[in-house]
Amino acid sequence: MEQRSSAAPSLQSLVALGWERPDANRLFQYFPRNYYRFHFITSGTGYYQTMDETIQLSEGEGFFIFPGETPNLFPNAKSPWEYFWVAVRGSKIGALIQSSGFSRIAPAFRSTEDMDFMRRILADMCATSISPHSADSEFSLCLDAFFKSIEPYSLKKHKNSPYFEQCLNYINHNYASQIRVQDIANFVNIDRTYLYKMFKRNIGLSPQVYLLNYRIDRACELLRTTDKSVSEVAYSVGFQDYSNFSRQFKARCLKSPTAYRKNVRGKT
């Protein structure tokens, strides 16, 4: 569900807002935008992931996405999150985020009020976005109320075991090669059953799905930022079979690699 604003740009203006419950079996690839976006989790659990860290977040918590950033967002398979999101552009929102203690390296927050109070603030935001008589000042009041009800929350970074960290690092450095799940297990000297349980416990995904998602995410980055052909991109992220790459890409991004490139370049 998404509501867009037709308001003219100002020091602070609403771009869009909405509510989502993402599919736990699909990679959510976030496109780079030229505005700020914040997500507030209304139920369940999920993960905000960059190349440097994975942050586990639950009901009453959330995160900011800064202009130009492309984090991975994925729900916990057992308890998938639902979240309300708001996209805002303008100089005032950037200053408000910074003055509240948030940054690109500290994007997470938690609410200091109960969920009923937070839902009322979010409902007010929705009301001001659809009312033909609403002014930017009314949305700003809702936004100020929201910021007064949250605080930085960097303590709940997902604590991974040393084995799991080694697995993630191994994938990060070797995904472009023809590595398999067994290679990951061999690298940390554990059996595949333990490897599977460790991945499911830490991020709710099997190592095979995580590796596929990681490769597709890197493929998305290459499609966005380079002029490599689609087949070159496939080989660059560890796929030998182009048809398999195309099939896996479409299953996770709901469009072909060619359509993805055309779509994302049309948004930049």
Protein backbone atom coordinates (compact mmCIF):
# COMPACT_ATOMS: atom_id res chain seq x y z
CA MET A 1 0.00 0.00 0.00
CA GLU A 2 1.46 3.33 -1.01
CA GLN A 3 0.28 6.92 -0.89
CA ARG A 4 2.10 9.59 -2.90
CA SER A 5 2.15 13.30 -2.34
CA SER A 6 1.72 15.91 -5.06
CA ALA A 7 3.12 18.71 -2.92
CA ALA A 8 5.75 20.93 -4.52
CA PRO A 9 9.34 20.57 -3.25
CA SER A 10 10.21 22.73 -0.23
CA LEU A 11 12.58 22.73 2.73
CA GLN A 12 10.80 19.51 3.64
CA SER A 13 8.21 17.66 1.59
CA LEU A 14 6.60 14.25 1.63
CA VAL A 15 7.50 12.09 -1.36
CA ALA A 16 5.49 8.98 -0.53
CA LEU A 17 4.50 6.70 2.31
CA GLY A 18 3.17 3.20 2.63
CA TRP A 19 2.87 -0.06 4.54
CA GLU A 20 4.41 -3.36 3.48
CA ARG A 21 4.76 -6.98 4.47
CA PRO A 22 7.53 -8.27 2.18
CA ASP A 23 7.70 -11.85 0.95
CA ALA A 24 10.16 -13.72 3.16
CA ASN A 25 11.33 -15.79 0.17
CA ARG A 26 12.21 -12.86 -2.08
CA LEU A 27 15.22 -10.57 -2.04
CA PHE A 28 14.18 -6.95 -1.63
CA GLN A 29 16.58 -4.82 -3.63
CA TYR A 30 16.43 -1.18 -2.63
CA PHE A 31 17.05 1.29 -5.45
CA PRO A 32 19.26 4.32 -4.75
CA ARG A 33 17.08 7.40 -4.22
CA ASN A 34 17.75 11.12 -3.85
CA TYR A 35 15.65 11.43 -0.70
CA TYR A 36 15.49 10.08 2.85
CA ARG A 37 13.32 7.18 3.88
CA PHE A 38 12.56 5.73 7.28
CA HIS A 39 10.95 2.40 8.13
CA PHE A 40 9.08 1.75 11.38
CA ILE A 41 8.40 -1.91 12.19
CA THR A 42 4.85 -2.56 13.37
CA SER A 43 5.24 -6.32 13.91
CA GLY A 44 7.64 -9.20 13.33
CA THR A 45 11.40 -9.20 12.83
CA GLY A 46 13.73 -8.46 9.95
CA TYR A 47 17.24 -7.50 8.97
CA TYR A 48 18.84 -4.35 7.62
CA GLN A 49 22.05 -5.40 5.87
CA THR A 50 24.95 -3.50 4.31
CA MET A 51 28.35 -4.75 3.19
CA ASP A 52 29.65 -3.97 6.68
CA GLU A 53 26.97 -5.21 9.05
CA THR A 54 23.64 -6.90 9.65
CA ILE A 55 21.21 -5.30 12.10
CA GLN A 56 18.28 -7.31 13.48
CA LEU A 57 15.21 -5.20 14.24
CA SER A 58 11.75 -5.92 15.63
CA GLU A 59 8.42 -4.29 16.51
CA GLY A 60 8.82 -0.73 17.76
CA GLU A 61 12.19 -0.31 16.06
CA GLY A 62 13.26 0.95 12.66
CA PHE A 63 15.94 2.47 10.49
CA PHE A 64 16.75 5.33 8.12
CA ILE A 65 17.89 4.92 4.52
CA PHE A 66 19.98 7.88 3.37
CA PRO A 67 20.11 9.25 -0.20
CA GLY A 68 22.15 7.01 -2.50
CA GLU A 69 22.19 4.01 -0.14
CA THR A 70 21.15 0.53 -1.28
CA PRO A 71 20.87 -1.75 1.76
CA ASN A 72 19.40 -5.24 1.65
CA LEU A 73 16.18 -5.63 3.59
CA PHE A 74 14.85 -9.07 4.37
CA PRO A 75 12.33 -10.44 6.88
CA ASN A 76 12.91 -13.20 9.35
CA ALA A 77 11.46 -16.32 7.73
CA LYS A 78 9.72 -17.48 10.93
CA SER A 79 8.35 -14.10 12.00
CA PRO A 80 8.38 -11.78 8.96
CA TRP A 81 8.25 -8.09 9.69
CA GLU A 82 5.63 -5.60 8.63
CA TYR A 83 6.62 -1.95 8.44
CA PHE A 84 5.36 1.52 7.74
CA TRP A 85 7.67 3.66 5.62
CA VAL A 86 7.88 7.35 4.81
CA ALA A 87 9.98 9.02 2.11
CA VAL A 88 10.86 12.69 2.61
CA ARG A 89 13.12 15.10 0.74
CA GLY A 90 14.46 18.53 1.60
CA SER A 91 17.16 20.15 3.70
CA LYS A 92 15.09 20.20 6.88
CA ILE A 93 14.69 16.42 7.13
CA GLY A 94 18.45 15.92 6.75
CA ALA A 95 19.13 18.40 9.55
CA LEU A 96 16.44 16.80 11.73
CA ILE A 97 17.93 13.32 11.29
CA GLN A 98 21.44 14.54 12.07
CA SER A 99 20.41 16.59 15.12
CA SER A 100 18.54 13.56 16.48
CA GLY A 101 21.76 11.52 16.52
CA PHE A 102 21.31 9.39 13.42
CA SER A 103 23.82 8.90 10.61
CA ARG A 104 24.76 6.51 7.82
CA ILE A 105 26.79 4.44 10.29
CA ALA A 106 24.08 4.61 12.97
CA PRO A 107 20.75 4.33 11.11
CA ALA A 108 18.73 2.31 13.63
CA PHE A 109 16.22 3.64 16.15
CA ARG A 110 13.67 2.46 18.67
CA SER A 111 10.50 4.08 19.92
CA THR A 112 10.29 5.53 23.41
CA GLU A 113 6.47 5.38 23.43
CA ASP A 114 4.05 2.44 23.32
CA MET A 115 2.84 1.04 20.01
CA ASP A 116 -0.64 2.59 20.26
CA PHE A 117 0.91 6.04 20.51
CA MET A 118 3.22 5.38 17.57
CA ARG A 119 0.37 4.06 15.44
CA ARG A 120 -1.58 7.25 16.09
CA ILE A 121 1.35 9.33 14.83
CA LEU A 122 1.61 7.18 11.70
CA ALA A 123 -2.15 7.42 11.17
CA ASP A 124 -1.92 11.21 11.40
CA MET A 125 0.84 11.17 8.76
CA CYS A 126 -1.44 9.19 6.45
CA ALA A 127 -4.33 11.56 7.08
CA THR A 128 -2.29 14.65 6.24
CA SER A 129 -0.95 13.01 3.08
CA ILE A 130 -4.40 12.35 1.61
CA SER A 131 -6.27 15.42 2.79
CA PRO A 132 -6.66 18.02 0.01
CA HIS A 133 -6.70 20.76 2.66
CA SER A 134 -3.55 19.65 4.46
CA ALA A 135 -0.49 21.92 4.44
CA ASP A 136 3.21 21.01 4.65
CA SER A 137 3.18 22.42 8.18
CA GLU A 138 0.74 19.72 9.33
CA PHE A 139 2.97 16.96 8.00
CA SER A 140 5.96 18.65 9.66
CA LEU A 141 4.14 18.56 13.00
CA CYS A 142 3.55 14.82 12.58
CA LEU A 143 7.18 14.31 11.66
CA ASP A 144 8.38 16.31 14.67
CA ALA A 145 6.13 14.21 16.93
CA PHE A 146 7.62 11.04 15.45
CA PHE A 147 11.20 12.20 16.03
CA LYS A 148 10.38 13.14 19.63
CA SER A 149 9.22 9.56 20.14
CA ILE A 150 12.34 7.73 18.92
CA GLU A 151 15.96 7.45 19.99
CA PRO A 152 19.14 6.02 18.43
CA TYR A 153 19.43 2.29 18.88
CA SER A 154 22.77 0.83 17.86
CA LEU A 155 23.03 -1.78 20.61
CA LYS A 156 20.98 -4.49 18.94
CA LYS A 157 23.28 -5.31 16.08
CA HIS A 158 22.90 -8.95 15.24
CA LYS A 159 25.57 -10.77 17.20
CA ASN A 160 27.03 -13.42 14.96
CA SER A 161 29.17 -16.32 16.09
CA PRO A 162 32.83 -16.31 14.97
CA TYR A 163 32.05 -19.21 12.61
CA PHE A 164 29.19 -17.27 11.05
CA GLU A 165 31.31 -14.14 10.60
CA GLN A 166 33.97 -16.27 8.86
CA CYS A 167 31.31 -17.69 6.54
CA LEU A 168 30.06 -14.22 5.62
CA ASN A 169 33.60 -13.01 4.97
CA TYR A 170 34.35 -16.07 2.85
CA ILE A 171 31.25 -15.46 0.71
CA ASN A 172 32.10 -11.76 0.42
CA HIS A 173 35.57 -12.53 -0.96
CA ASN A 174 34.72 -15.58 -3.08
CA TYR A 175 31.15 -15.23 -4.39
CA ALA A 176 32.49 -14.51 -7.91
CA SER A 177 34.21 -17.91 -7.99
CA GLN A 178 32.46 -21.23 -8.38
CA ILE A 179 32.02 -21.78 -4.65
CA ARG A 180 29.35 -24.10 -3.28
CA VAL A 181 27.82 -24.54 0.15
CA GLN A 182 30.23 -27.41 0.83
CA ASP A 183 33.16 -25.06 0.17
CA ILE A 184 31.84 -22.68 2.83
CA ALA A 185 31.55 -25.55 5.33
CA ASN A 186 35.03 -26.78 4.48
CA PHE A 187 36.49 -23.31 4.95
CA VAL A 188 35.37 -23.11 8.58
CA ASN A 189 35.83 -26.87 9.12
CA ILE A 190 32.23 -27.68 10.06
CA ASP A 191 29.71 -30.09 8.52
CA ARG A 192 26.87 -28.95 6.25
CA THR A 193 24.19 -29.75 8.81
CA TYR A 194 25.75 -27.44 11.39
CA LEU A 195 26.31 -24.80 8.71
CA TYR A 196 22.64 -24.96 7.72
CA LYS A 197 21.44 -24.66 11.32
CA MET A 198 23.81 -21.76 11.98
CA PHE A 199 22.53 -19.78 9.01
CA LYS A 200 18.90 -20.47 9.86
CA ARG A 201 19.50 -19.46 13.48
CA ASN A 202 21.30 -16.24 12.60
CA ILE A 203 19.34 -14.89 9.63
CA GLY A 204 16.50 -17.31 8.97
CA LEU A 205 17.89 -18.35 5.56
CA SER A 206 19.74 -21.44 4.38
CA PRO A 207 23.37 -20.92 3.24
CA GLN A 208 22.32 -21.81 -0.32
CA VAL A 209 19.61 -19.10 -0.38
CA TYR A 210 21.92 -16.56 1.24
CA LEU A 211 24.66 -17.23 -1.34
CA LEU A 212 22.17 -16.91 -4.20
CA ASN A 213 20.75 -13.69 -2.75
CA TYR A 214 24.24 -12.29 -2.28
CA ARG A 215 25.17 -13.01 -5.89
CA ILE A 216 21.95 -11.50 -7.19
CA ASP A 217 22.50 -8.42 -5.03
CA ARG A 218 25.99 -7.96 -6.48
CA ALA A 219 24.54 -8.49 -9.96
CA CYS A 220 22.02 -5.71 -9.28
CA GLU A 221 24.89 -3.42 -8.32
CA LEU A 222 26.77 -4.20 -11.56
CA LEU A 223 23.65 -3.70 -13.65
CA ARG A 224 23.12 -0.31 -12.01
CA THR A 225 26.67 0.97 -12.11
CA THR A 226 28.44 -0.61 -15.12
CA ASP A 227 27.90 -1.16 -18.83
CA LYS A 228 28.80 -4.84 -18.69
CA SER A 229 26.52 -7.07 -20.74
CA VAL A 230 24.03 -9.18 -18.80
CA SER A 231 26.01 -12.33 -19.55
CA GLU A 232 29.22 -10.67 -18.31
CA VAL A 233 27.42 -9.69 -15.13
CA ALA A 234 26.25 -13.27 -14.65
CA TYR A 235 29.78 -14.65 -14.91
CA SER A 236 31.13 -11.85 -12.72
CA VAL A 237 28.98 -12.93 -9.78
CA GLY A 238 29.65 -16.65 -10.01
CA PHE A 239 27.08 -18.03 -12.46
CA GLN A 240 28.34 -20.28 -15.26
CA ASP A 241 24.90 -20.91 -16.72
CA TYR A 242 23.26 -17.73 -18.07
CA SER A 243 19.77 -19.27 -18.17
CA ASN A 244 20.06 -20.23 -14.50
CA PHE A 245 21.21 -16.69 -13.65
CA SER A 246 18.26 -15.19 -15.50
CA ARG A 247 15.83 -17.56 -13.80
CA GLN A 248 17.24 -16.94 -10.30
CA PHE A 249 17.34 -13.18 -10.89
CA LYS A 250 13.72 -13.03 -11.98
CA ALA A 251 12.60 -15.21 -9.06
CA ARG A 252 14.15 -12.77 -6.58
CA CYS A 253 13.65 -9.40 -8.30
CA LEU A 254 10.41 -10.21 -10.16
CA LYS A 255 11.86 -9.00 -13.47
CA SER A 256 14.56 -10.01 -15.90
CA PRO A 257 18.09 -8.56 -15.57
CA THR A 258 17.53 -6.51 -18.74
CA ALA A 259 14.22 -5.10 -17.45
CA TYR A 260 15.82 -4.37 -14.07
CA ARG A 261 18.63 -2.36 -15.69
CA LYS A 262 16.19 -0.41 -17.83
CA ASN A 263 13.95 0.30 -14.85
CA VAL A 264 16.67 1.40 -12.42
CA ARG A 265 18.43 3.60 -14.95
CA GLY A 266 15.13 5.24 -15.72
CA LYS A 267 14.88 6.21 -12.02
CA THR A 268 18.30 7.83 -11.73
